[in-house]
PDB file of all heavy atoms in Angstrom:
ATOM      1  N   ALA A   1     117.584 114.435 128.301  1.00  0.00           N
ATOM      2  CA  ALA A   1     118.608 115.480 128.256  1.00  0.00           C
ATOM      3  C   ALA A   1     118.768 116.184 129.592  1.00  0.00           C
ATOM      4  O   ALA A   1     119.869 116.641 129.935  1.00  0.00           O
ATOM      5  CB  ALA A   1     118.262 116.495 127.169  1.00  0.00           C
ATOM      6  N   ILE A   2     117.709 116.284 130.387  1.00  0.00           N
ATOM      7  CA  ILE A   2     117.784 117.065 131.625  1.00  0.00           C
ATOM      8  C   ILE A   2     117.643 116.213 132.886  1.00  0.00           C
ATOM      9  O   ILE A   2     117.807 116.734 133.987  1.00  0.00           O
ATOM     10  CB  ILE A   2     116.698 118.164 131.644  1.00  0.00           C
ATOM     11  CG1 ILE A   2     115.305 117.536 131.702  1.00  0.00           C
ATOM     12  CG2 ILE A   2     116.832 119.084 130.440  1.00  0.00           C
ATOM     13  CD1 ILE A   2     114.197 118.558 131.893  1.00  0.00           C
ATOM     14  N   ALA A   3     117.360 114.915 132.748  1.00  0.00           N
ATOM     15  CA  ALA A   3     117.156 114.062 133.923  1.00  0.00           C
ATOM     16  C   ALA A   3     118.452 113.924 134.723  1.00  0.00           C
ATOM     17  O   ALA A   3     119.546 113.838 134.157  1.00  0.00           O
ATOM     18  CB  ALA A   3     116.663 112.687 133.495  1.00  0.00           C
ATOM     19  N   SER A   4     118.315 113.908 136.032  1.00  0.00           N
ATOM     20  CA  SER A   4     119.473 113.704 136.899  1.00  0.00           C
ATOM     21  C   SER A   4     119.936 112.256 136.807  1.00  0.00           C
ATOM     22  O   SER A   4     119.233 111.381 136.277  1.00  0.00           O
ATOM     23  CB  SER A   4     119.097 114.031 138.342  1.00  0.00           C
ATOM     24  OG  SER A   4     118.115 113.109 138.809  1.00  0.00           O
ATOM     25  N   LYS A   5     121.125 111.989 137.361  1.00  0.00           N
ATOM     26  CA  LYS A   5     121.648 110.619 137.331  1.00  0.00           C
ATOM     27  C   LYS A   5     120.723 109.669 138.075  1.00  0.00           C
ATOM     28  O   LYS A   5     120.505 108.531 137.647  1.00  0.00           O
ATOM     29  CB  LYS A   5     123.046 110.581 137.953  1.00  0.00           C
ATOM     30  CG  LYS A   5     123.687 109.187 137.891  1.00  0.00           C
ATOM     31  CD  LYS A   5     125.056 109.177 138.536  1.00  0.00           C
ATOM     32  CE  LYS A   5     125.711 107.799 138.377  1.00  0.00           C
ATOM     33  NZ  LYS A   5     124.877 106.723 138.981  1.00  0.00           N
ATOM     34  N   ARG A   6     120.154 110.125 139.177  1.00  0.00           N
ATOM     35  CA  ARG A   6     119.245 109.271 139.945  1.00  0.00           C
ATOM     36  C   ARG A   6     118.017 108.897 139.117  1.00  0.00           C
ATOM     37  O   ARG A   6     117.601 107.730 139.120  1.00  0.00           O
ATOM     38  CB  ARG A   6     118.824 109.991 141.218  1.00  0.00           C
ATOM     39  CG  ARG A   6     117.958 109.137 142.145  1.00  0.00           C
ATOM     40  CD  ARG A   6     117.654 109.874 143.427  1.00  0.00           C
ATOM     41  NE  ARG A   6     116.849 109.068 144.321  1.00  0.00           N
ATOM     42  CZ  ARG A   6     116.412 109.471 145.502  1.00  0.00           C
ATOM     43  NH1 ARG A   6     116.734 110.687 145.934  1.00  0.00           N
ATOM     44  NH2 ARG A   6     115.678 108.679 146.257  1.00  0.00           N
ATOM     45  N   LEU A   7     117.444 109.875 138.421  1.00  0.00           N
ATOM     46  CA  LEU A   7     116.296 109.589 137.572  1.00  0.00           C
ATOM     47  C   LEU A   7     116.670 108.644 136.433  1.00  0.00           C
ATOM     48  O   LEU A   7     115.907 107.740 136.086  1.00  0.00           O
ATOM     49  CB  LEU A   7     115.714 110.892 137.004  1.00  0.00           C
ATOM     50  CG  LEU A   7     114.780 111.682 137.918  1.00  0.00           C
ATOM     51  CD1 LEU A   7     114.356 112.971 137.232  1.00  0.00           C
ATOM     52  CD2 LEU A   7     113.563 110.849 138.290  1.00  0.00           C
ATOM     53  N   ARG A   8     117.840 108.859 135.842  1.00  0.00           N
ATOM     54  CA  ARG A   8     118.272 107.972 134.758  1.00  0.00           C
ATOM     55  C   ARG A   8     118.476 106.547 135.269  1.00  0.00           C
ATOM     56  O   ARG A   8     118.155 105.583 134.572  1.00  0.00           O
ATOM     57  CB  ARG A   8     119.558 108.508 134.126  1.00  0.00           C
ATOM     58  CG  ARG A   8     119.370 109.800 133.337  1.00  0.00           C
ATOM     59  CD  ARG A   8     120.555 110.055 132.411  1.00  0.00           C
ATOM     60  NE  ARG A   8     121.803 110.190 133.159  1.00  0.00           N
ATOM     61  CZ  ARG A   8     122.262 111.344 133.626  1.00  0.00           C
ATOM     62  NH1 ARG A   8     121.577 112.470 133.439  1.00  0.00           N
ATOM     63  NH2 ARG A   8     123.409 111.398 134.294  1.00  0.00           N
ATOM     64  N   ASP A   9     118.987 106.419 136.487  1.00  0.00           N
ATOM     65  CA  ASP A   9     119.168 105.086 137.061  1.00  0.00           C
ATOM     66  C   ASP A   9     117.829 104.400 137.290  1.00  0.00           C
ATOM     67  O   ASP A   9     117.668 103.210 136.992  1.00  0.00           O
ATOM     68  CB  ASP A   9     119.943 105.179 138.384  1.00  0.00           C
ATOM     69  CG  ASP A   9     121.408 105.556 138.180  1.00  0.00           C
ATOM     70  OD1 ASP A   9     121.891 105.422 137.041  1.00  0.00           O
ATOM     71  OD2 ASP A   9     122.049 105.988 139.159  1.00  0.00           O
ATOM     72  N   TRP A  10     116.863 105.142 137.822  1.00  0.00           N
ATOM     73  CA  TRP A  10     115.530 104.567 138.029  1.00  0.00           C
ATOM     74  C   TRP A  10     114.892 104.194 136.703  1.00  0.00           C
ATOM     75  O   TRP A  10     114.244 103.143 136.580  1.00  0.00           O
ATOM     76  CB  TRP A  10     114.650 105.563 138.791  1.00  0.00           C
ATOM     77  CG  TRP A  10     114.772 105.435 140.271  1.00  0.00           C
ATOM     78  CD1 TRP A  10     115.550 106.179 141.106  1.00  0.00           C
ATOM     79  CD2 TRP A  10     114.120 104.476 141.110  1.00  0.00           C
ATOM     80  NE1 TRP A  10     115.423 105.756 142.401  1.00  0.00           N
ATOM     81  CE2 TRP A  10     114.548 104.714 142.441  1.00  0.00           C
ATOM     82  CE3 TRP A  10     113.216 103.457 140.866  1.00  0.00           C
ATOM     83  CZ2 TRP A  10     114.089 103.954 143.518  1.00  0.00           C
ATOM     84  CZ3 TRP A  10     112.756 102.696 141.950  1.00  0.00           C
ATOM     85  CH2 TRP A  10     113.198 102.947 143.238  1.00  0.00           C
ATOM     86  N   THR A  11     115.070 105.032 135.707  1.00  0.00           N
ATOM     87  CA  THR A  11     114.525 104.724 134.378  1.00  0.00           C
ATOM     88  C   THR A  11     115.137 103.448 133.834  1.00  0.00           C
ATOM     89  O   THR A  11     114.434 102.596 133.280  1.00  0.00           O
ATOM     90  CB  THR A  11     114.799 105.898 133.421  1.00  0.00           C
ATOM     91  OG1 THR A  11     114.197 107.091 133.941  1.00  0.00           O
ATOM     92  CG2 THR A  11     114.213 105.606 132.044  1.00  0.00           C
ATOM     93  N   ALA A  12     116.442 103.296 134.001  1.00  0.00           N
ATOM     94  CA  ALA A  12     117.117 102.096 133.508  1.00  0.00           C
ATOM     95  C   ALA A  12     116.618 100.847 134.230  1.00  0.00           C
ATOM     96  O   ALA A  12     116.445  99.783 133.613  1.00  0.00           O
ATOM     97  CB  ALA A  12     118.624 102.244 133.680  1.00  0.00           C
ATOM     98  N   ARG A  13     116.364 100.959 135.519  1.00  0.00           N
ATOM     99  CA  ARG A  13     115.865  99.809 136.270  1.00  0.00           C
ATOM    100  C   ARG A  13     114.462  99.419 135.815  1.00  0.00           C
ATOM    101  O   ARG A  13     114.142  98.226 135.715  1.00  0.00           O
ATOM    102  CB  ARG A  13     115.871 100.116 137.771  1.00  0.00           C
ATOM    103  CG  ARG A  13     117.258 100.366 138.337  1.00  0.00           C
ATOM    104  CD  ARG A  13     117.229 100.594 139.822  1.00  0.00           C
ATOM    105  NE  ARG A  13     116.961  99.345 140.554  1.00  0.00           N
ATOM    106  CZ  ARG A  13     116.958  99.265 141.888  1.00  0.00           C
ATOM    107  NH1 ARG A  13     117.221 100.354 142.617  1.00  0.00           N
ATOM    108  NH2 ARG A  13     116.716  98.127 142.492  1.00  0.00           N
ATOM    109  N   ILE A  14     113.637 100.413 135.552  1.00  0.00           N
ATOM    110  CA  ILE A  14     112.291 100.126 135.054  1.00  0.00           C
ATOM    111  C   ILE A  14     112.358  99.482 133.676  1.00  0.00           C
ATOM    112  O   ILE A  14     111.647  98.516 133.378  1.00  0.00           O
ATOM    113  CB  ILE A  14     111.462 101.427 135.021  1.00  0.00           C
ATOM    114  CG1 ILE A  14     111.193 101.908 136.447  1.00  0.00           C
ATOM    115  CG2 ILE A  14     110.151 101.220 134.265  1.00  0.00           C
ATOM    116  CD1 ILE A  14     110.578 103.282 136.520  1.00  0.00           C
ATOM    117  N   GLU A  15     113.235  99.993 132.834  1.00  0.00           N
ATOM    118  CA  GLU A  15     113.387  99.434 131.494  1.00  0.00           C
ATOM    119  C   GLU A  15     113.866  97.991 131.546  1.00  0.00           C
ATOM    120  O   GLU A  15     113.437  97.152 130.742  1.00  0.00           O
ATOM    121  CB  GLU A  15     114.363 100.288 130.686  1.00  0.00           C
ATOM    122  CG  GLU A  15     113.818 101.647 130.299  1.00  0.00           C
ATOM    123  CD  GLU A  15     114.875 102.544 129.684  1.00  0.00           C
ATOM    124  OE1 GLU A  15     116.082 102.255 129.853  1.00  0.00           O
ATOM    125  OE2 GLU A  15     114.499 103.542 129.044  1.00  0.00           O
ATOM    126  N   SER A  16     114.746  97.680 132.495  1.00  0.00           N
ATOM    127  CA  SER A  16     115.273  96.321 132.587  1.00  0.00           C
ATOM    128  C   SER A  16     114.191  95.327 132.987  1.00  0.00           C
ATOM    129  O   SER A  16     114.272  94.147 132.648  1.00  0.00           O
ATOM    130  CB  SER A  16     116.433  96.269 133.587  1.00  0.00           C
ATOM    131  OG  SER A  16     115.968  96.499 134.912  1.00  0.00           O
ATOM    132  N   ARG A  17     113.176  95.802 133.709  1.00  0.00           N
ATOM    133  CA  ARG A  17     112.081  94.925 134.122  1.00  0.00           C
ATOM    134  C   ARG A  17     110.939  94.914 133.124  1.00  0.00           C
ATOM    135  O   ARG A  17     110.164  93.970 133.100  1.00  0.00           O
ATOM    136  CB  ARG A  17     111.583  95.345 135.511  1.00  0.00           C
ATOM    137  CG  ARG A  17     112.575  94.968 136.607  1.00  0.00           C
ATOM    138  CD  ARG A  17     112.305  95.726 137.885  1.00  0.00           C
ATOM    139  NE  ARG A  17     113.148  95.260 138.982  1.00  0.00           N
ATOM    140  CZ  ARG A  17     114.392  95.630 139.172  1.00  0.00           C
ATOM    141  NH1 ARG A  17     114.956  96.481 138.335  1.00  0.00           N
ATOM    142  NH2 ARG A  17     115.092  95.164 140.181  1.00  0.00           N
ATOM    143  N   GLY A  18     110.830  95.965 132.334  1.00  0.00           N
ATOM    144  CA  GLY A  18     109.884  96.020 131.231  1.00  0.00           C
ATOM    145  C   GLY A  18     108.478  95.610 131.592  1.00  0.00           C
ATOM    146  O   GLY A  18     107.755  96.315 132.306  1.00  0.00           O
ATOM    147  N   PHE A  19     108.062  94.443 131.122  1.00  0.00           N
ATOM    148  CA  PHE A  19     106.702  93.931 131.309  1.00  0.00           C
ATOM    149  C   PHE A  19     106.315  93.912 132.781  1.00  0.00           C
ATOM    150  O   PHE A  19     105.230  94.367 133.156  1.00  0.00           O
ATOM    151  CB  PHE A  19     106.608  92.531 130.704  1.00  0.00           C
ATOM    152  CG  PHE A  19     105.299  91.837 130.952  1.00  0.00           C
ATOM    153  CD1 PHE A  19     104.245  91.992 130.071  1.00  0.00           C
ATOM    154  CD2 PHE A  19     105.125  91.021 132.066  1.00  0.00           C
ATOM    155  CE1 PHE A  19     103.031  91.360 130.308  1.00  0.00           C
ATOM    156  CE2 PHE A  19     103.927  90.386 132.304  1.00  0.00           C
ATOM    157  CZ  PHE A  19     102.876  90.555 131.422  1.00  0.00           C
ATOM    158  N   LEU A  20     107.187  93.379 133.638  1.00  0.00           N
ATOM    159  CA  LEU A  20     106.859  93.258 135.060  1.00  0.00           C
ATOM    160  C   LEU A  20     106.712  94.622 135.727  1.00  0.00           C
ATOM    161  O   LEU A  20     105.846  94.806 136.593  1.00  0.00           O
ATOM    162  CB  LEU A  20     107.929  92.439 135.781  1.00  0.00           C
ATOM    163  CG  LEU A  20     107.932  90.935 135.487  1.00  0.00           C
ATOM    164  CD1 LEU A  20     109.077  90.256 136.225  1.00  0.00           C
ATOM    165  CD2 LEU A  20     106.605  90.308 135.872  1.00  0.00           C
ATOM    166  N   ALA A  21     107.529  95.585 135.324  1.00  0.00           N
ATOM    167  CA  ALA A  21     107.423  96.922 135.907  1.00  0.00           C
ATOM    168  C   ALA A  21     106.065  97.538 135.608  1.00  0.00           C
ATOM    169  O   ALA A  21     105.425  98.134 136.482  1.00  0.00           O
ATOM    170  CB  ALA A  21     108.542  97.810 135.373  1.00  0.00           C
ATOM    171  N   VAL A  22     105.603  97.385 134.369  1.00  0.00           N
ATOM    172  CA  VAL A  22     104.291  97.927 134.001  1.00  0.00           C
ATOM    173  C   VAL A  22     103.180  97.166 134.712  1.00  0.00           C
ATOM    174  O   VAL A  22     102.216  97.765 135.212  1.00  0.00           O
ATOM    175  CB  VAL A  22     104.095  97.860 132.474  1.00  0.00           C
ATOM    176  CG1 VAL A  22     102.706  98.374 132.092  1.00  0.00           C
ATOM    177  CG2 VAL A  22     105.172  98.669 131.759  1.00  0.00           C
ATOM    178  N   LEU A  23     103.312  95.837 134.776  1.00  0.00           N
ATOM    179  CA  LEU A  23     102.286  95.028 135.441  1.00  0.00           C
ATOM    180  C   LEU A  23     102.170  95.409 136.912  1.00  0.00           C
ATOM    181  O   LEU A  23     101.053  95.550 137.439  1.00  0.00           O
ATOM    182  CB  LEU A  23     102.633  93.544 135.301  1.00  0.00           C
ATOM    183  CG  LEU A  23     101.594  92.556 135.851  1.00  0.00           C
ATOM    184  CD1 LEU A  23     100.278  92.692 135.103  1.00  0.00           C
ATOM    185  CD2 LEU A  23     102.120  91.122 135.761  1.00  0.00           C
ATOM    186  N   TYR A  24     103.297  95.596 137.589  1.00  0.00           N
ATOM    187  CA  TYR A  24     103.268  96.017 138.989  1.00  0.00           C
ATOM    188  C   TYR A  24     102.559  97.363 139.130  1.00  0.00           C
ATOM    189  O   TYR A  24     101.774  97.564 140.061  1.00  0.00           O
ATOM    190  CB  TYR A  24     104.690  96.141 139.540  1.00  0.00           C
ATOM    191  CG  TYR A  24     105.398  94.823 139.760  1.00  0.00           C
ATOM    192  CD1 TYR A  24     106.774  94.766 139.928  1.00  0.00           C
ATOM    193  CD2 TYR A  24     104.693  93.624 139.788  1.00  0.00           C
ATOM    194  CE1 TYR A  24     107.432  93.555 140.128  1.00  0.00           C
ATOM    195  CE2 TYR A  24     105.345  92.421 139.979  1.00  0.00           C
ATOM    196  CZ  TYR A  24     106.712  92.387 140.144  1.00  0.00           C
ATOM    197  OH  TYR A  24     107.350  91.197 140.332  1.00  0.00           O
ATOM    198  N   ALA A  25     102.854  98.284 138.228  1.00  0.00           N
ATOM    199  CA  ALA A  25     102.243  99.614 138.295  1.00  0.00           C
ATOM    200  C   ALA A  25     100.734  99.537 138.108  1.00  0.00           C
ATOM    201  O   ALA A  25      99.986 100.306 138.713  1.00  0.00           O
ATOM    202  CB  ALA A  25     102.854 100.531 137.244  1.00  0.00           C
ATOM    203  N   ARG A  26     100.267  98.614 137.275  1.00  0.00           N
ATOM    204  CA  ARG A  26      98.824  98.479 137.042  1.00  0.00           C
ATOM    205  C   ARG A  26      98.117  97.800 138.207  1.00  0.00           C
ATOM    206  O   ARG A  26      96.943  98.074 138.470  1.00  0.00           O
ATOM    207  CB  ARG A  26      98.569  97.679 135.752  1.00  0.00           C
ATOM    208  CG  ARG A  26      99.092  98.333 134.481  1.00  0.00           C
ATOM    209  CD  ARG A  26      98.741  99.784 134.379  1.00  0.00           C
ATOM    210  NE  ARG A  26      99.109 100.361 133.091  1.00  0.00           N
ATOM    211  CZ  ARG A  26      99.152 101.658 132.846  1.00  0.00           C
ATOM    212  NH1 ARG A  26      98.874 102.521 133.801  1.00  0.00           N
ATOM    213  NH2 ARG A  26      99.476 102.111 131.646  1.00  0.00           N
ATOM    214  N   ILE A  27      98.816  96.909 138.889  1.00  0.00           N
ATOM    215  CA  ILE A  27      98.210  96.193 139.997  1.00  0.00           C
ATOM    216  C   ILE A  27      98.250  97.009 141.285  1.00  0.00           C
ATOM    217  O   ILE A  27      97.335  96.939 142.111  1.00  0.00           O
ATOM    218  CB  ILE A  27      98.915  94.836 140.204  1.00  0.00           C
ATOM    219  CG1 ILE A  27      98.663  93.933 139.001  1.00  0.00           C
ATOM    220  CG2 ILE A  27      98.441  94.149 141.481  1.00  0.00           C
ATOM    221  CD1 ILE A  27      99.402  92.615 139.049  1.00  0.00           C
ATOM    222  N   ALA A  28      99.291  97.815 141.449  1.00  0.00           N
ATOM    223  CA  ALA A  28      99.470  98.575 142.695  1.00  0.00           C
ATOM    224  C   ALA A  28      98.293  99.526 142.923  1.00  0.00           C
ATOM    225  O   ALA A  28      97.819 100.175 141.991  1.00  0.00           O
ATOM    226  CB  ALA A  28     100.768  99.366 142.639  1.00  0.00           C
ATOM    227  N   PRO A  29      97.809  99.615 144.157  1.00  0.00           N
ATOM    228  CA  PRO A  29      96.687 100.524 144.440  1.00  0.00           C
ATOM    229  C   PRO A  29      97.123 101.985 144.395  1.00  0.00           C
ATOM    230  O   PRO A  29      98.277 102.307 144.660  1.00  0.00           O
ATOM    231  CB  PRO A  29      96.265 100.117 145.856  1.00  0.00           C
ATOM    232  CG  PRO A  29      97.504  99.536 146.471  1.00  0.00           C
ATOM    233  CD  PRO A  29      98.242  98.868 145.338  1.00  0.00           C
ATOM    234  N   LEU A  30      96.187 102.834 144.041  1.00  0.00           N
ATOM    235  CA  LEU A  30      96.365 104.286 144.058  1.00  0.00           C
ATOM    236  C   LEU A  30      97.376 104.804 143.035  1.00  0.00           C
ATOM    237  O   LEU A  30      97.737 105.974 143.077  1.00  0.00           O
ATOM    238  CB  LEU A  30      96.771 104.775 145.457  1.00  0.00           C
ATOM    239  CG  LEU A  30      95.819 104.401 146.601  1.00  0.00           C
ATOM    240  CD1 LEU A  30      96.346 104.932 147.924  1.00  0.00           C
ATOM    241  CD2 LEU A  30      94.418 104.914 146.335  1.00  0.00           C
ATOM    242  N   MET A  31      97.817 103.952 142.123  1.00  0.00           N
ATOM    243  CA  MET A  31      98.706 104.438 141.069  1.00  0.00           C
ATOM    244  C   MET A  31      97.868 105.118 139.984  1.00  0.00           C
ATOM    245  O   MET A  31      96.943 104.504 139.445  1.00  0.00           O
ATOM    246  CB  MET A  31      99.488 103.276 140.456  1.00  0.00           C
ATOM    247  CG  MET A  31     100.591 102.739 141.333  1.00  0.00           C
ATOM    248  SD  MET A  31     101.956 103.908 141.530  1.00  0.00           S
ATOM    249  CE  MET A  31     102.713 103.798 139.911  1.00  0.00           C
ATOM    250  N   PRO A  32      98.140 106.390 139.661  1.00  0.00           N
ATOM    251  CA  PRO A  32      97.356 107.086 138.637  1.00  0.00           C
ATOM    252  C   PRO A  32      97.570 106.454 137.263  1.00  0.00           C
ATOM    253  O   PRO A  32      98.676 106.483 136.731  1.00  0.00           O
ATOM    254  CB  PRO A  32      97.875 108.522 138.700  1.00  0.00           C
ATOM    255  CG  PRO A  32      99.235 108.406 139.323  1.00  0.00           C
ATOM    256  CD  PRO A  32      99.199 107.235 140.242  1.00  0.00           C
ATOM    257  N   PHE A  33      96.524 105.898 136.696  1.00  0.00           N
ATOM    258  CA  PHE A  33      96.639 105.078 135.491  1.00  0.00           C
ATOM    259  C   PHE A  33      97.243 105.852 134.322  1.00  0.00           C
ATOM    260  O   PHE A  33      98.241 105.431 133.728  1.00  0.00           O
ATOM    261  CB  PHE A  33      95.248 104.552 135.115  1.00  0.00           C
ATOM    262  CG  PHE A  33      95.244 103.595 133.958  1.00  0.00           C
ATOM    263  CD1 PHE A  33      95.427 102.244 134.164  1.00  0.00           C
ATOM    264  CD2 PHE A  33      95.045 104.042 132.662  1.00  0.00           C
ATOM    265  CE1 PHE A  33      95.424 101.347 133.100  1.00  0.00           C
ATOM    266  CE2 PHE A  33      95.036 103.169 131.588  1.00  0.00           C
ATOM    267  CZ  PHE A  33      95.224 101.811 131.812  1.00  0.00           C
ATOM    268  N   THR A  34      96.654 106.979 133.988  1.00  0.00           N
ATOM    269  CA  THR A  34      97.103 107.716 132.806  1.00  0.00           C
ATOM    270  C   THR A  34      98.449 108.377 133.045  1.00  0.00           C
ATOM    271  O   THR A  34      99.308 108.393 132.150  1.00  0.00           O
ATOM    272  CB  THR A  34      96.059 108.768 132.401  1.00  0.00           C
ATOM    273  OG1 THR A  34      94.814 108.113 132.140  1.00  0.00           O
ATOM    274  CG2 THR A  34      96.493 109.508 131.143  1.00  0.00           C
ATOM    275  N   LEU A  35      98.664 108.918 134.230  1.00  0.00           N
ATOM    276  CA  LEU A  35      99.948 109.551 134.534  1.00  0.00           C
ATOM    277  C   LEU A  35     101.080 108.528 134.450  1.00  0.00           C
ATOM    278  O   LEU A  35     102.177 108.838 133.957  1.00  0.00           O
ATOM    279  CB  LEU A  35      99.909 110.187 135.924  1.00  0.00           C
ATOM    280  CG  LEU A  35     101.044 111.149 136.253  1.00  0.00           C
ATOM    281  CD1 LEU A  35     101.081 112.308 135.266  1.00  0.00           C
ATOM    282  CD2 LEU A  35     100.887 111.671 137.679  1.00  0.00           C
TER     283      LEU A  35
END
């Protein structure tokens, strides 16, 4: 409800990649796991 257009666009891009987006986040160094 409050996200800007830029945030919504980034969210949509992450959603389109789904599995790969999460896998990249888990493999990338220094990414806070729980956050």
